Amino acid sequence: MTITTRLFTFFQGELVGEDGFGNRYFRGRRKAEGEREKRWVLFRGKPEPTKVPPEWHGWLHHTTDTVPSSVARRHYYWQKPHLPNLTGTQGAYVPPGHVLRGAKRDRSTSDYQAWKP
């Protein structure tokens, strides 16, 4: 983050909350007549937009005005915890038959027949 962003946040921002990744969320202290309030995030570490959880994403994009940290959100048993994009890391998804998995896949057992014109 640049010094300009830090100064703008110091003078114009009001801290609203923080998520589990350590990202801090701000809103503008002043709002011009007829405009929406400004909302932004300061990332902890490398700026990675996929580290913004869904509830904070909704708040940032004015889908909801309720600050996520102020409301206990109901979690269902089938929901997985939010993960950032893992492409290019050791945790990336690699399907069976991929080069990184030995490039071998199970033989097809279906009744597939190639089309012949």
PDB file of N, CA and C in Angstrom:
ATOM      1  N   MET A   1       0.849  -1.164   0.000  1.00  0.00           N
ATOM      2  CA  MET A   1       0.000   0.000   0.000  1.00  0.00           C
ATOM      3  C   MET A   1       0.899   1.232   0.000  1.00  0.00           C
ATOM      4  N   THR A   2       0.457   2.249  -0.670  1.00  0.00           N
ATOM      5  CA  THR A   2       1.278   3.440  -0.823  1.00  0.00           C
ATOM      6  C   THR A   2       1.090   4.390   0.342  1.00  0.00           C
ATOM      7  N   ILE A   3       1.994   5.334   0.440  1.00  0.00           N
ATOM      8  CA  ILE A   3       1.903   6.356   1.488  1.00  0.00           C
ATOM      9  C   ILE A   3       0.657   7.214   1.301  1.00  0.00           C
ATOM     10  N   THR A   4       0.270   7.408   0.043  1.00  0.00           N
ATOM     11  CA  THR A   4      -0.937   8.190  -0.237  1.00  0.00           C
ATOM     12  C   THR A   4      -2.178   7.502   0.327  1.00  0.00           C
ATOM     13  N   THR A   5      -2.254   6.201   0.154  1.00  0.00           N
ATOM     14  CA  THR A   5      -3.389   5.448   0.691  1.00  0.00           C
ATOM     15  C   THR A   5      -3.408   5.516   2.210  1.00  0.00           C
ATOM     16  N   ARG A   6      -2.250   5.382   2.818  1.00  0.00           N
ATOM     17  CA  ARG A   6      -2.173   5.466   4.289  1.00  0.00           C
ATOM     18  C   ARG A   6      -2.606   6.846   4.791  1.00  0.00           C
ATOM     19  N   LEU A   7      -2.134   7.898   4.132  1.00  0.00           N
ATOM     20  CA  LEU A   7      -2.516   9.252   4.550  1.00  0.00           C
ATOM     21  C   LEU A   7      -4.008   9.497   4.349  1.00  0.00           C
ATOM     22  N   PHE A   8      -4.538   9.074   3.203  1.00  0.00           N
ATOM     23  CA  PHE A   8      -5.964   9.233   2.941  1.00  0.00           C
ATOM     24  C   PHE A   8      -6.777   8.512   4.008  1.00  0.00           C
ATOM     25  N   THR A   9      -6.371   7.293   4.343  1.00  0.00           N
ATOM     26  CA  THR A   9      -7.091   6.512   5.351  1.00  0.00           C
ATOM     27  C   THR A   9      -6.993   7.178   6.719  1.00  0.00           C
ATOM     28  N   PHE A  10      -5.832   7.697   7.068  1.00  0.00           N
ATOM     29  CA  PHE A  10      -5.649   8.349   8.365  1.00  0.00           C
ATOM     30  C   PHE A  10      -6.543   9.579   8.509  1.00  0.00           C
ATOM     31  N   PHE A  11      -6.601  10.405   7.465  1.00  0.00           N
ATOM     32  CA  PHE A  11      -7.356  11.655   7.552  1.00  0.00           C
ATOM     33  C   PHE A  11      -8.836  11.503   7.202  1.00  0.00           C
ATOM     34  N   GLN A  12      -9.171  10.604   6.285  1.00  0.00           N
ATOM     35  CA  GLN A  12     -10.539  10.516   5.787  1.00  0.00           C
ATOM     36  C   GLN A  12     -11.297   9.270   6.231  1.00  0.00           C
ATOM     37  N   GLY A  13     -10.611   8.272   6.794  1.00  0.00           N
ATOM     38  CA  GLY A  13     -11.248   6.994   7.061  1.00  0.00           C
ATOM     39  C   GLY A  13     -11.655   6.770   8.500  1.00  0.00           C
ATOM     40  N   GLU A  14     -12.674   5.948   8.647  1.00  0.00           N
ATOM     41  CA  GLU A  14     -13.157   5.514   9.959  1.00  0.00           C
ATOM     42  C   GLU A  14     -13.131   3.990   9.946  1.00  0.00           C
ATOM     43  N   LEU A  15     -12.393   3.390  10.875  1.00  0.00           N
ATOM     44  CA  LEU A  15     -12.284   1.940  10.939  1.00  0.00           C
ATOM     45  C   LEU A  15     -13.639   1.337  11.294  1.00  0.00           C
ATOM     46  N   VAL A  16     -14.054   0.356  10.496  1.00  0.00           N
ATOM     47  CA  VAL A  16     -15.348  -0.286  10.697  1.00  0.00           C
ATOM     48  C   VAL A  16     -15.183  -1.673  11.294  1.00  0.00           C
ATOM     49  N   GLY A  17     -14.178  -2.412  10.823  1.00  0.00           N
ATOM     50  CA  GLY A  17     -13.976  -3.754  11.331  1.00  0.00           C
ATOM     51  C   GLY A  17     -12.789  -4.439  10.692  1.00  0.00           C
ATOM     52  N   GLU A  18     -12.600  -5.685  11.110  1.00  0.00           N
ATOM     53  CA  GLU A  18     -11.491  -6.490  10.629  1.00  0.00           C
ATOM     54  C   GLU A  18     -11.987  -7.910  10.428  1.00  0.00           C
ATOM     55  N   ASP A  19     -11.446  -8.588   9.407  1.00  0.00           N
ATOM     56  CA  ASP A  19     -11.870  -9.966   9.159  1.00  0.00           C
ATOM     57  C   ASP A  19     -10.830 -10.952   9.686  1.00  0.00           C
ATOM     58  N   GLY A  20     -11.072 -12.226   9.457  1.00  0.00           N
ATOM     59  CA  GLY A  20     -10.184 -13.272   9.940  1.00  0.00           C
ATOM     60  C   GLY A  20      -8.821 -13.293   9.281  1.00  0.00           C
ATOM     61  N   PHE A  21      -8.672 -12.689   8.110  1.00  0.00           N
ATOM     62  CA  PHE A  21      -7.390 -12.622   7.420  1.00  0.00           C
ATOM     63  C   PHE A  21      -6.550 -11.438   7.901  1.00  0.00           C
ATOM     64  N   GLY A  22      -7.111 -10.566   8.736  1.00  0.00           N
ATOM     65  CA  GLY A  22      -6.399  -9.393   9.213  1.00  0.00           C
ATOM     66  C   GLY A  22      -6.607  -8.162   8.350  1.00  0.00           C
ATOM     67  N   ASN A  23      -7.478  -8.258   7.336  1.00  0.00           N
ATOM     68  CA  ASN A  23      -7.799  -7.097   6.500  1.00  0.00           C
ATOM     69  C   ASN A  23      -8.646  -6.129   7.316  1.00  0.00           C
ATOM     70  N   ARG A  24      -8.396  -4.834   7.151  1.00  0.00           N
ATOM     71  CA  ARG A  24      -9.155  -3.811   7.874  1.00  0.00           C
ATOM     72  C   ARG A  24     -10.044  -3.047   6.904  1.00  0.00           C
ATOM     73  N   TYR A  25     -11.277  -2.787   7.326  1.00  0.00           N
ATOM     74  CA  TYR A  25     -12.285  -2.160   6.470  1.00  0.00           C
ATOM     75  C   TYR A  25     -12.619  -0.779   6.999  1.00  0.00           C
ATOM     76  N   PHE A  26     -12.732   0.182   6.061  1.00  0.00           N
ATOM     77  CA  PHE A  26     -12.948   1.578   6.409  1.00  0.00           C
ATOM     78  C   PHE A  26     -14.112   2.157   5.631  1.00  0.00           C
ATOM     79  N   ARG A  27     -14.674   3.223   6.179  1.00  0.00           N
ATOM     80  CA  ARG A  27     -15.664   4.041   5.481  1.00  0.00           C
ATOM     81  C   ARG A  27     -15.233   5.491   5.623  1.00  0.00           C
ATOM     82  N   GLY A  28     -15.663   6.311   4.678  1.00  0.00           N
ATOM     83  CA  GLY A  28     -15.316   7.727   4.713  1.00  0.00           C
ATOM     84  C   GLY A  28     -16.033   8.442   5.853  1.00  0.00           C
ATOM     85  N   ARG A  29     -15.372   9.397   6.445  1.00  0.00           N
ATOM     86  CA  ARG A  29     -15.983  10.153   7.547  1.00  0.00           C
ATOM     87  C   ARG A  29     -17.023  11.142   7.051  1.00  0.00           C
ATOM     88  N   ARG A  30     -16.813  11.639   5.843  1.00  0.00           N
ATOM     89  CA  ARG A  30     -17.754  12.599   5.263  1.00  0.00           C
ATOM     90  C   ARG A  30     -18.357  12.023   4.000  1.00  0.00           C
ATOM     91  N   LYS A  31     -19.599  12.422   3.748  1.00  0.00           N
ATOM     92  CA  LYS A  31     -20.276  11.961   2.541  1.00  0.00           C
ATOM     93  C   LYS A  31     -20.873  13.179   1.850  1.00  0.00           C
ATOM     94  N   ALA A  32     -20.587  13.313   0.571  1.00  0.00           N
ATOM     95  CA  ALA A  32     -21.130  14.429  -0.201  1.00  0.00           C
ATOM     96  C   ALA A  32     -22.623  14.218  -0.417  1.00  0.00           C
ATOM     97  N   GLU A  33     -23.341  15.293  -0.552  1.00  0.00           N
ATOM     98  CA  GLU A  33     -24.790  15.242  -0.752  1.00  0.00           C
ATOM     99  C   GLU A  33     -25.132  14.442  -2.006  1.00  0.00           C
ATOM    100  N   GLY A  34     -25.972  13.451  -1.868  1.00  0.00           N
ATOM    101  CA  GLY A  34     -26.416  12.652  -3.000  1.00  0.00           C
ATOM    102  C   GLY A  34     -25.458  11.544  -3.424  1.00  0.00           C
ATOM    103  N   GLU A  35     -24.376  11.338  -2.703  1.00  0.00           N
ATOM    104  CA  GLU A  35     -23.417  10.288  -3.043  1.00  0.00           C
ATOM    105  C   GLU A  35     -23.429   9.190  -1.987  1.00  0.00           C
ATOM    106  N   ARG A  36     -23.034   7.997  -2.405  1.00  0.00           N
ATOM    107  CA  ARG A  36     -22.883   6.907  -1.442  1.00  0.00           C
ATOM    108  C   ARG A  36     -21.601   7.108  -0.658  1.00  0.00           C
ATOM    109  N   GLU A  37     -21.555   6.529   0.544  1.00  0.00           N
ATOM    110  CA  GLU A  37     -20.329   6.649   1.319  1.00  0.00           C
ATOM    111  C   GLU A  37     -19.221   5.827   0.670  1.00  0.00           C
ATOM    112  N   LYS A  38     -17.990   6.290   0.838  1.00  0.00           N
ATOM    113  CA  LYS A  38     -16.845   5.559   0.296  1.00  0.00           C
ATOM    114  C   LYS A  38     -16.486   4.440   1.266  1.00  0.00           C
ATOM    115  N   ARG A  39     -16.200   3.267   0.714  1.00  0.00           N
ATOM    116  CA  ARG A  39     -15.802   2.115   1.525  1.00  0.00           C
ATOM    117  C   ARG A  39     -14.584   1.489   0.870  1.00  0.00           C
ATOM    118  N   TRP A  40     -13.614   1.074   1.693  1.00  0.00           N
ATOM    119  CA  TRP A  40     -12.425   0.443   1.147  1.00  0.00           C
ATOM    120  C   TRP A  40     -11.807  -0.485   2.176  1.00  0.00           C
ATOM    121  N   VAL A  41     -10.859  -1.272   1.684  1.00  0.00           N
ATOM    122  CA  VAL A  41     -10.176  -2.257   2.519  1.00  0.00           C
ATOM    123  C   VAL A  41      -8.671  -2.046   2.420  1.00  0.00           C
ATOM    124  N   LEU A  42      -7.985  -2.210   3.543  1.00  0.00           N
ATOM    125  CA  LEU A  42      -6.529  -2.230   3.571  1.00  0.00           C
ATOM    126  C   LEU A  42      -6.129  -3.668   3.871  1.00  0.00           C
ATOM    127  N   PHE A  43      -5.480  -4.298   2.909  1.00  0.00           N
ATOM    128  CA  PHE A  43      -5.125  -5.702   3.038  1.00  0.00           C
ATOM    129  C   PHE A  43      -3.941  -5.890   3.964  1.00  0.00           C
ATOM    130  N   ARG A  44      -3.966  -6.977   4.696  1.00  0.00           N
ATOM    131  CA  ARG A  44      -2.805  -7.346   5.497  1.00  0.00           C
ATOM    132  C   ARG A  44      -1.906  -8.180   4.597  1.00  0.00           C
ATOM    133  N   GLY A  45      -0.679  -7.762   4.452  1.00  0.00           N
ATOM    134  CA  GLY A  45       0.236  -8.469   3.555  1.00  0.00           C
ATOM    135  C   GLY A  45      -0.003  -8.069   2.116  1.00  0.00           C
ATOM    136  N   LYS A  46       0.176  -9.032   1.227  1.00  0.00           N
ATOM    137  CA  LYS A  46       0.023  -8.788  -0.207  1.00  0.00           C
ATOM    138  C   LYS A  46      -1.431  -8.476  -0.543  1.00  0.00           C
ATOM    139  N   PRO A  47      -1.702  -7.436  -1.332  1.00  0.00           N
ATOM    140  CA  PRO A  47      -3.083  -7.129  -1.711  1.00  0.00           C
ATOM    141  C   PRO A  47      -3.660  -8.232  -2.592  1.00  0.00           C
ATOM    142  N   GLU A  48      -4.574  -8.998  -2.058  1.00  0.00           N
ATOM    143  CA  GLU A  48      -5.188 -10.109  -2.768  1.00  0.00           C
ATOM    144  C   GLU A  48      -6.696 -10.014  -2.589  1.00  0.00           C
ATOM    145  N   PRO A  49      -7.411  -9.540  -3.606  1.00  0.00           N
ATOM    146  CA  PRO A  49      -8.857  -9.336  -3.485  1.00  0.00           C
ATOM    147  C   PRO A  49      -9.654 -10.597  -3.145  1.00  0.00           C
ATOM    148  N   THR A  50      -9.124 -11.776  -3.453  1.00  0.00           N
ATOM    149  CA  THR A  50      -9.876 -12.985  -3.129  1.00  0.00           C
ATOM    150  C   THR A  50      -9.815 -13.319  -1.644  1.00  0.00           C
ATOM    151  N   LYS A  51      -9.043 -12.543  -0.860  1.00  0.00           N
ATOM    152  CA  LYS A  51      -9.015 -12.735   0.588  1.00  0.00           C
ATOM    153  C   LYS A  51     -10.165 -12.010   1.289  1.00  0.00           C
ATOM    154  N   VAL A  52     -11.017 -11.347   0.542  1.00  0.00           N
ATOM    155  CA  VAL A  52     -12.172 -10.662   1.133  1.00  0.00           C
ATOM    156  C   VAL A  52     -13.317 -11.673   1.278  1.00  0.00           C
ATOM    157  N   PRO A  53     -13.751 -11.981   2.508  1.00  0.00           N
ATOM    158  CA  PRO A  53     -14.845 -12.928   2.703  1.00  0.00           C
ATOM    159  C   PRO A  53     -16.154 -12.399   2.114  1.00  0.00           C
ATOM    160  N   PRO A  54     -17.113 -13.290   1.814  1.00  0.00           N
ATOM    161  CA  PRO A  54     -18.363 -12.887   1.156  1.00  0.00           C
ATOM    162  C   PRO A  54     -19.142 -11.808   1.897  1.00  0.00           C
ATOM    163  N   GLU A  55     -19.219 -11.894   3.216  1.00  0.00           N
ATOM    164  CA  GLU A  55     -19.994 -10.892   3.959  1.00  0.00           C
ATOM    165  C   GLU A  55     -19.381  -9.503   3.851  1.00  0.00           C
ATOM    166  N   TRP A  56     -18.039  -9.422   3.864  1.00  0.00           N
ATOM    167  CA  TRP A  56     -17.379  -8.127   3.700  1.00  0.00           C
ATOM    168  C   TRP A  56     -17.461  -7.658   2.257  1.00  0.00           C
ATOM    169  N   HIS A  57     -17.439  -8.558   1.308  1.00  0.00           N
ATOM    170  CA  HIS A  57     -17.580  -8.194  -0.102  1.00  0.00           C
ATOM    171  C   HIS A  57     -18.929  -7.518  -0.317  1.00  0.00           C
ATOM    172  N   GLY A  58     -19.980  -8.072   0.278  1.00  0.00           N
ATOM    173  CA  GLY A  58     -21.309  -7.470   0.168  1.00  0.00           C
ATOM    174  C   GLY A  58     -21.349  -6.069   0.761  1.00  0.00           C
ATOM    175  N   TRP A  59     -20.682  -5.876   1.888  1.00  0.00           N
ATOM    176  CA  TRP A  59     -20.659  -4.550   2.513  1.00  0.00           C
ATOM    177  C   TRP A  59     -19.857  -3.564   1.659  1.00  0.00           C
ATOM    178  N   LEU A  60     -18.705  -3.990   1.142  1.00  0.00           N
ATOM    179  CA  LEU A  60     -17.876  -3.100   0.323  1.00  0.00           C
ATOM    180  C   LEU A  60     -18.616  -2.612  -0.916  1.00  0.00           C
ATOM    181  N   HIS A  61     -19.433  -3.480  -1.514  1.00  0.00           N
ATOM    182  CA  HIS A  61     -20.123  -3.147  -2.763  1.00  0.00           C
ATOM    183  C   HIS A  61     -21.548  -2.652  -2.538  1.00  0.00           C
ATOM    184  N   HIS A  62     -21.843  -2.223  -1.304  1.00  0.00           N
ATOM    185  CA  HIS A  62     -23.126  -1.622  -0.951  1.00  0.00           C
ATOM    186  C   HIS A  62     -24.312  -2.557  -1.175  1.00  0.00           C
ATOM    187  N   THR A  63     -24.089  -3.873  -1.115  1.00  0.00           N
ATOM    188  CA  THR A  63     -25.196  -4.817  -1.191  1.00  0.00           C
ATOM    189  C   THR A  63     -25.976  -4.781   0.113  1.00  0.00           C
ATOM    190  N   THR A  64     -25.262  -4.552   1.203  1.00  0.00           N
ATOM    191  CA  THR A  64     -25.877  -4.422   2.518  1.00  0.00           C
ATOM    192  C   THR A  64     -25.216  -3.267   3.263  1.00  0.00           C
ATOM    193  N   ASP A  65     -25.971  -2.644   4.143  1.00  0.00           N
ATOM    194  CA  ASP A  65     -25.408  -1.575   4.963  1.00  0.00           C
ATOM    195  C   ASP A  65     -25.034  -2.070   6.358  1.00  0.00           C
ATOM    196  N   THR A  66     -25.350  -3.318   6.644  1.00  0.00           N
ATOM    197  CA  THR A  66     -25.030  -3.898   7.942  1.00  0.00           C
ATOM    198  C   THR A  66     -23.565  -4.315   7.959  1.00  0.00           C
ATOM    199  N   VAL A  67     -22.838  -3.809   8.946  1.00  0.00           N
ATOM    200  CA  VAL A  67     -21.422  -4.152   9.067  1.00  0.00           C
ATOM    201  C   VAL A  67     -21.326  -5.602   9.549  1.00  0.00           C
ATOM    202  N   PRO A  68     -20.609  -6.471   8.824  1.00  0.00           N
ATOM    203  CA  PRO A  68     -20.568  -7.889   9.163  1.00  0.00           C
ATOM    204  C   PRO A  68     -20.087  -8.199  10.571  1.00  0.00           C
ATOM    205  N   SER A  69     -19.147  -7.449  11.111  1.00  0.00           N
ATOM    206  CA  SER A  69     -18.627  -7.768  12.439  1.00  0.00           C
ATOM    207  C   SER A  69     -19.617  -7.415  13.546  1.00  0.00           C
ATOM    208  N   SER A  70     -20.627  -6.601  13.234  1.00  0.00           N
ATOM    209  CA  SER A  70     -21.577  -6.196  14.271  1.00  0.00           C
ATOM    210  C   SER A  70     -22.763  -7.141  14.385  1.00  0.00           C
ATOM    211  N   VAL A  71     -22.895  -8.074  13.442  1.00  0.00           N
ATOM    212  CA  VAL A  71     -24.020  -8.996  13.429  1.00  0.00           C
ATOM    213  C   VAL A  71     -23.496 -10.424  13.449  1.00  0.00           C
ATOM    214  N   ALA A  72     -24.061 -11.236  14.339  1.00  0.00           N
ATOM    215  CA  ALA A  72     -23.677 -12.647  14.364  1.00  0.00           C
ATOM    216  C   ALA A  72     -24.288 -13.328  13.151  1.00  0.00           C
ATOM    217  N   ARG A  73     -23.447 -13.828  12.264  1.00  0.00           N
ATOM    218  CA  ARG A  73     -23.908 -14.452  11.042  1.00  0.00           C
ATOM    219  C   ARG A  73     -24.140 -15.930  11.272  1.00  0.00           C
ATOM    220  N   ARG A  74     -25.248 -16.445  10.778  1.00  0.00           N
ATOM    221  CA  ARG A  74     -25.564 -17.849  10.939  1.00  0.00           C
ATOM    222  C   ARG A  74     -24.753 -18.671   9.933  1.00  0.00           C
ATOM    223  N   HIS A  75     -24.068 -19.681  10.452  1.00  0.00           N
ATOM    224  CA  HIS A  75     -23.308 -20.575   9.595  1.00  0.00           C
ATOM    225  C   HIS A  75     -24.000 -21.925   9.568  1.00  0.00           C
ATOM    226  N   TYR A  76     -24.141 -22.469   8.378  1.00  0.00           N
ATOM    227  CA  TYR A  76     -24.757 -23.771   8.214  1.00  0.00           C
ATOM    228  C   TYR A  76     -23.693 -24.853   8.211  1.00  0.00           C
ATOM    229  N   TYR A  77     -24.084 -26.072   8.545  1.00  0.00           N
ATOM    230  CA  TYR A  77     -23.128 -27.169   8.640  1.00  0.00           C
ATOM    231  C   TYR A  77     -22.467 -27.476   7.296  1.00  0.00           C
ATOM    232  N   TRP A  78     -23.145 -27.167   6.193  1.00  0.00           N
ATOM    233  CA  TRP A  78     -22.616 -27.490   4.872  1.00  0.00           C
ATOM    234  C   TRP A  78     -21.707 -26.404   4.304  1.00  0.00           C
ATOM    235  N   GLN A  79     -21.599 -25.275   4.973  1.00  0.00           N
ATOM    236  CA  GLN A  79     -20.752 -24.190   4.481  1.00  0.00           C
ATOM    237  C   GLN A  79     -19.295 -24.437   4.839  1.00  0.00           C
ATOM    238  N   LYS A  80     -18.432 -24.207   3.876  1.00  0.00           N
ATOM    239  CA  LYS A  80     -16.997 -24.321   4.104  1.00  0.00           C
ATOM    240  C   LYS A  80     -16.449 -22.942   4.456  1.00  0.00           C
ATOM    241  N   PRO A  81     -15.337 -22.888   5.182  1.00  0.00           N
ATOM    242  CA  PRO A  81     -14.734 -21.578   5.465  1.00  0.00           C
ATOM    243  C   PRO A  81     -14.200 -20.957   4.179  1.00  0.00           C
ATOM    244  N   HIS A  82     -14.185 -19.628   4.141  1.00  0.00           N
ATOM    245  CA  HIS A  82     -13.724 -18.910   2.952  1.00  0.00           C
ATOM    246  C   HIS A  82     -12.224 -19.101   2.766  1.00  0.00           C
ATOM    247  N   LEU A  83     -11.829 -19.387   1.538  1.00  0.00           N
ATOM    248  CA  LEU A  83     -10.419 -19.507   1.178  1.00  0.00           C
ATOM    249  C   LEU A  83     -10.120 -18.554   0.031  1.00  0.00           C
ATOM    250  N   PRO A  84      -8.931 -17.945   0.041  1.00  0.00           N
ATOM    251  CA  PRO A  84      -8.554 -17.124  -1.112  1.00  0.00           C
ATOM    252  C   PRO A  84      -8.250 -18.021  -2.303  1.00  0.00           C
ATOM    253  N   ASN A  85      -8.055 -17.424  -3.457  1.00  0.00           N
ATOM    254  CA  ASN A  85      -7.709 -18.165  -4.662  1.00  0.00           C
ATOM    255  C   ASN A  85      -6.364 -18.854  -4.453  1.00  0.00           C
ATOM    256  N   LEU A  86      -6.329 -20.176  -4.606  1.00  0.00           N
ATOM    257  CA  LEU A  86      -5.115 -20.947  -4.360  1.00  0.00           C
ATOM    258  C   LEU A  86      -4.357 -21.313  -5.630  1.00  0.00           C
ATOM    259  N   THR A  87      -4.755 -20.758  -6.756  1.00  0.00           N
ATOM    260  CA  THR A  87      -4.076 -21.045  -8.018  1.00  0.00           C
ATOM    261  C   THR A  87      -2.603 -20.660  -7.910  1.00  0.00           C
ATOM    262  N   GLY A  88      -1.730 -21.565  -8.338  1.00  0.00           N
ATOM    263  CA  GLY A  88      -0.299 -21.293  -8.302  1.00  0.00           C
ATOM    264  C   GLY A  88       0.346 -21.635  -6.984  1.00  0.00           C
ATOM    265  N   THR A  89      -0.396 -22.198  -6.050  1.00  0.00           N
ATOM    266  CA  THR A  89       0.158 -22.591  -4.758  1.00  0.00           C
ATOM    267  C   THR A  89       0.087 -24.108  -4.615  1.00  0.00           C
ATOM    268  N   GLN A  90       0.621 -24.629  -3.530  1.00  0.00           N
ATOM    269  CA  GLN A  90       0.562 -26.063  -3.269  1.00  0.00           C
ATOM    270  C   GLN A  90      -0.865 -26.533  -3.009  1.00  0.00           C
ATOM    271  N   GLY A  91      -1.741 -25.627  -2.578  1.00  0.00           N
ATOM    272  CA  GLY A  91      -3.123 -25.990  -2.285  1.00  0.00           C
ATOM    273  C   GLY A  91      -4.055 -25.927  -3.479  1.00  0.00           C
ATOM    274  N   ALA A  92      -3.538 -25.664  -4.663  1.00  0.00           N
ATOM    275  CA  ALA A  92      -4.376 -25.542  -5.860  1.00  0.00           C
ATOM    276  C   ALA A  92      -5.000 -26.884  -6.216  1.00  0.00           C
ATOM    277  N   TYR A  93      -6.197 -26.837  -6.789  1.00  0.00           N
ATOM    278  CA  TYR A  93      -6.881 -28.057  -7.219  1.00  0.00           C
ATOM    279  C   TYR A  93      -6.229 -28.589  -8.492  1.00  0.00           C
ATOM    280  N   VAL A  94      -5.909 -29.865  -8.470  1.00  0.00           N
ATOM    281  CA  VAL A  94      -5.326 -30.536  -9.633  1.00  0.00           C
ATOM    282  C   VAL A  94      -6.179 -31.778  -9.884  1.00  0.00           C
ATOM    283  N   PRO A  95      -6.925 -31.825 -10.981  1.00  0.00           N
ATOM    284  CA  PRO A  95      -7.825 -32.958 -11.223  1.00  0.00           C
ATOM    285  C   PRO A  95      -7.063 -34.234 -11.578  1.00  0.00           C
ATOM    286  N   PRO A  96      -7.715 -35.380 -11.420  1.00  0.00           N
ATOM    287  CA  PRO A  96      -7.076 -36.623 -11.824  1.00  0.00           C
ATOM    288  C   PRO A  96      -6.749 -36.596 -13.315  1.00  0.00           C
ATOM    289  N   GLY A  97      -5.606 -37.137 -13.683  1.00  0.00           N
ATOM    290  CA  GLY A  97      -5.188 -37.144 -15.074  1.00  0.00           C
ATOM    291  C   GLY A  97      -4.371 -35.933 -15.467  1.00  0.00           C
ATOM    292  N   HIS A  98      -4.204 -34.989 -14.569  1.00  0.00           N
ATOM    293  CA  HIS A  98      -3.413 -33.790 -14.853  1.00  0.00           C
ATOM    294  C   HIS A  98      -1.927 -34.135 -14.884  1.00  0.00           C
ATOM    295  N   VAL A  99      -1.144 -33.361 -15.607  1.00  0.00           N
ATOM    296  CA  VAL A  99       0.290 -33.580 -15.720  1.00  0.00           C
ATOM    297  C   VAL A  99       0.957 -33.591 -14.343  1.00  0.00           C
ATOM    298  N   LEU A 100       0.501 -32.733 -13.452  1.00  0.00           N
ATOM    299  CA  LEU A 100       1.093 -32.672 -12.116  1.00  0.00           C
ATOM    300  C   LEU A 100       0.708 -33.861 -11.244  1.00  0.00           C
ATOM    301  N   ARG A 101      -0.200 -34.686 -11.709  1.00  0.00           N
ATOM    302  CA  ARG A 101      -0.584 -35.901 -10.989  1.00  0.00           C
ATOM    303  C   ARG A 101      -0.138 -37.150 -11.745  1.00  0.00           C
ATOM    304  N   GLY A 102       0.842 -37.042 -12.578  1.00  0.00           N
ATOM    305  CA  GLY A 102       1.360 -38.190 -13.291  1.00  0.00           C
ATOM    306  C   GLY A 102       0.752 -38.407 -14.657  1.00  0.00           C
ATOM    307  N   ALA A 103      -0.193 -37.607 -15.061  1.00  0.00           N
ATOM    308  CA  ALA A 103      -0.832 -37.652 -16.377  1.00  0.00           C
ATOM    309  C   ALA A 103      -1.476 -39.003 -16.677  1.00  0.00           C
ATOM    310  N   LYS A 104      -1.940 -39.694 -15.647  1.00  0.00           N
ATOM    311  CA  LYS A 104      -2.636 -40.963 -15.853  1.00  0.00           C
ATOM    312  C   LYS A 104      -4.026 -40.836 -15.260  1.00  0.00           C
ATOM    313  N   ARG A 105      -4.999 -41.327 -15.995  1.00  0.00           N
ATOM    314  CA  ARG A 105      -6.360 -41.305 -15.493  1.00  0.00           C
ATOM    315  C   ARG A 105      -6.969 -42.678 -15.682  1.00  0.00           C
ATOM    316  N   ASP A 106      -8.054 -42.921 -14.979  1.00  0.00           N
ATOM    317  CA  ASP A 106      -8.746 -44.193 -15.105  1.00  0.00           C
ATOM    318  C   ASP A 106      -9.301 -44.337 -16.512  1.00  0.00           C
ATOM    319  N   ARG A 107      -9.287 -45.577 -16.988  1.00  0.00           N
ATOM    320  CA  ARG A 107      -9.857 -45.832 -18.299  1.00  0.00           C
ATOM    321  C   ARG A 107     -11.360 -45.640 -18.219  1.00  0.00           C
ATOM    322  N   SER A 108     -11.916 -45.198 -19.305  1.00  0.00           N
ATOM    323  CA  SER A 108     -13.353 -44.985 -19.372  1.00  0.00           C
ATOM    324  C   SER A 108     -14.063 -46.334 -19.417  1.00  0.00           C
ATOM    325  N   THR A 109     -15.087 -46.485 -18.618  1.00  0.00           N
ATOM    326  CA  THR A 109     -15.856 -47.734 -18.611  1.00  0.00           C
ATOM    327  C   THR A 109     -17.219 -47.542 -19.267  1.00  0.00           C
ATOM    328  N   SER A 110     -17.413 -46.398 -19.869  1.00  0.00           N
ATOM    329  CA  SER A 110     -18.724 -46.116 -20.470  1.00  0.00           C
ATOM    330  C   SER A 110     -18.817 -46.735 -21.856  1.00  0.00           C
ATOM    331  N   ASP A 111     -19.974 -46.613 -22.459  1.00  0.00           N
ATOM    332  CA  ASP A 111     -20.183 -47.155 -23.794  1.00  0.00           C
ATOM    333  C   ASP A 111     -19.956 -46.077 -24.848  1.00  0.00           C
ATOM    334  N   TYR A 112     -18.970 -45.234 -24.629  1.00  0.00           N
ATOM    335  CA  TYR A 112     -18.675 -44.134 -25.547  1.00  0.00           C
ATOM    336  C   TYR A 112     -18.141 -44.668 -26.865  1.00  0.00           C
ATOM    337  N   GLN A 113     -18.649 -44.161 -27.956  1.00  0.00           N
ATOM    338  CA  GLN A 113     -18.138 -44.478 -29.269  1.00  0.00           C
ATOM    339  C   GLN A 113     -17.885 -43.167 -30.009  1.00  0.00           C
ATOM    340  N   ALA A 114     -16.731 -43.065 -30.596  1.00  0.00           N
ATOM    341  CA  ALA A 114     -16.379 -41.850 -31.325  1.00  0.00           C
ATOM    342  C   ALA A 114     -17.292 -41.686 -32.533  1.00  0.00           C
ATOM    343  N   TRP A 115     -17.621 -40.467 -32.858  1.00  0.00           N
ATOM    344  CA  TRP A 115     -18.464 -40.168 -33.999  1.00  0.00           C
ATOM    345  C   TRP A 115     -17.679 -40.291 -35.290  1.00  0.00           C
ATOM    346  N   LYS A 116     -18.249 -40.944 -36.254  1.00  0.00           N
ATOM    347  CA  LYS A 116     -17.595 -41.079 -37.557  1.00  0.00           C
ATOM    348  C   LYS A 116     -18.528 -40.497 -38.607  1.00  0.00           C
ATOM    349  N   PRO A 117     -18.063 -39.530 -39.355  1.00  0.00           N
ATOM    350  CA  PRO A 117     -18.929 -38.913 -40.361  1.00  0.00           C
ATOM    351  C   PRO A 117     -19.191 -39.823 -41.544  1.00  0.00           C
TER     352      PRO A 117
END
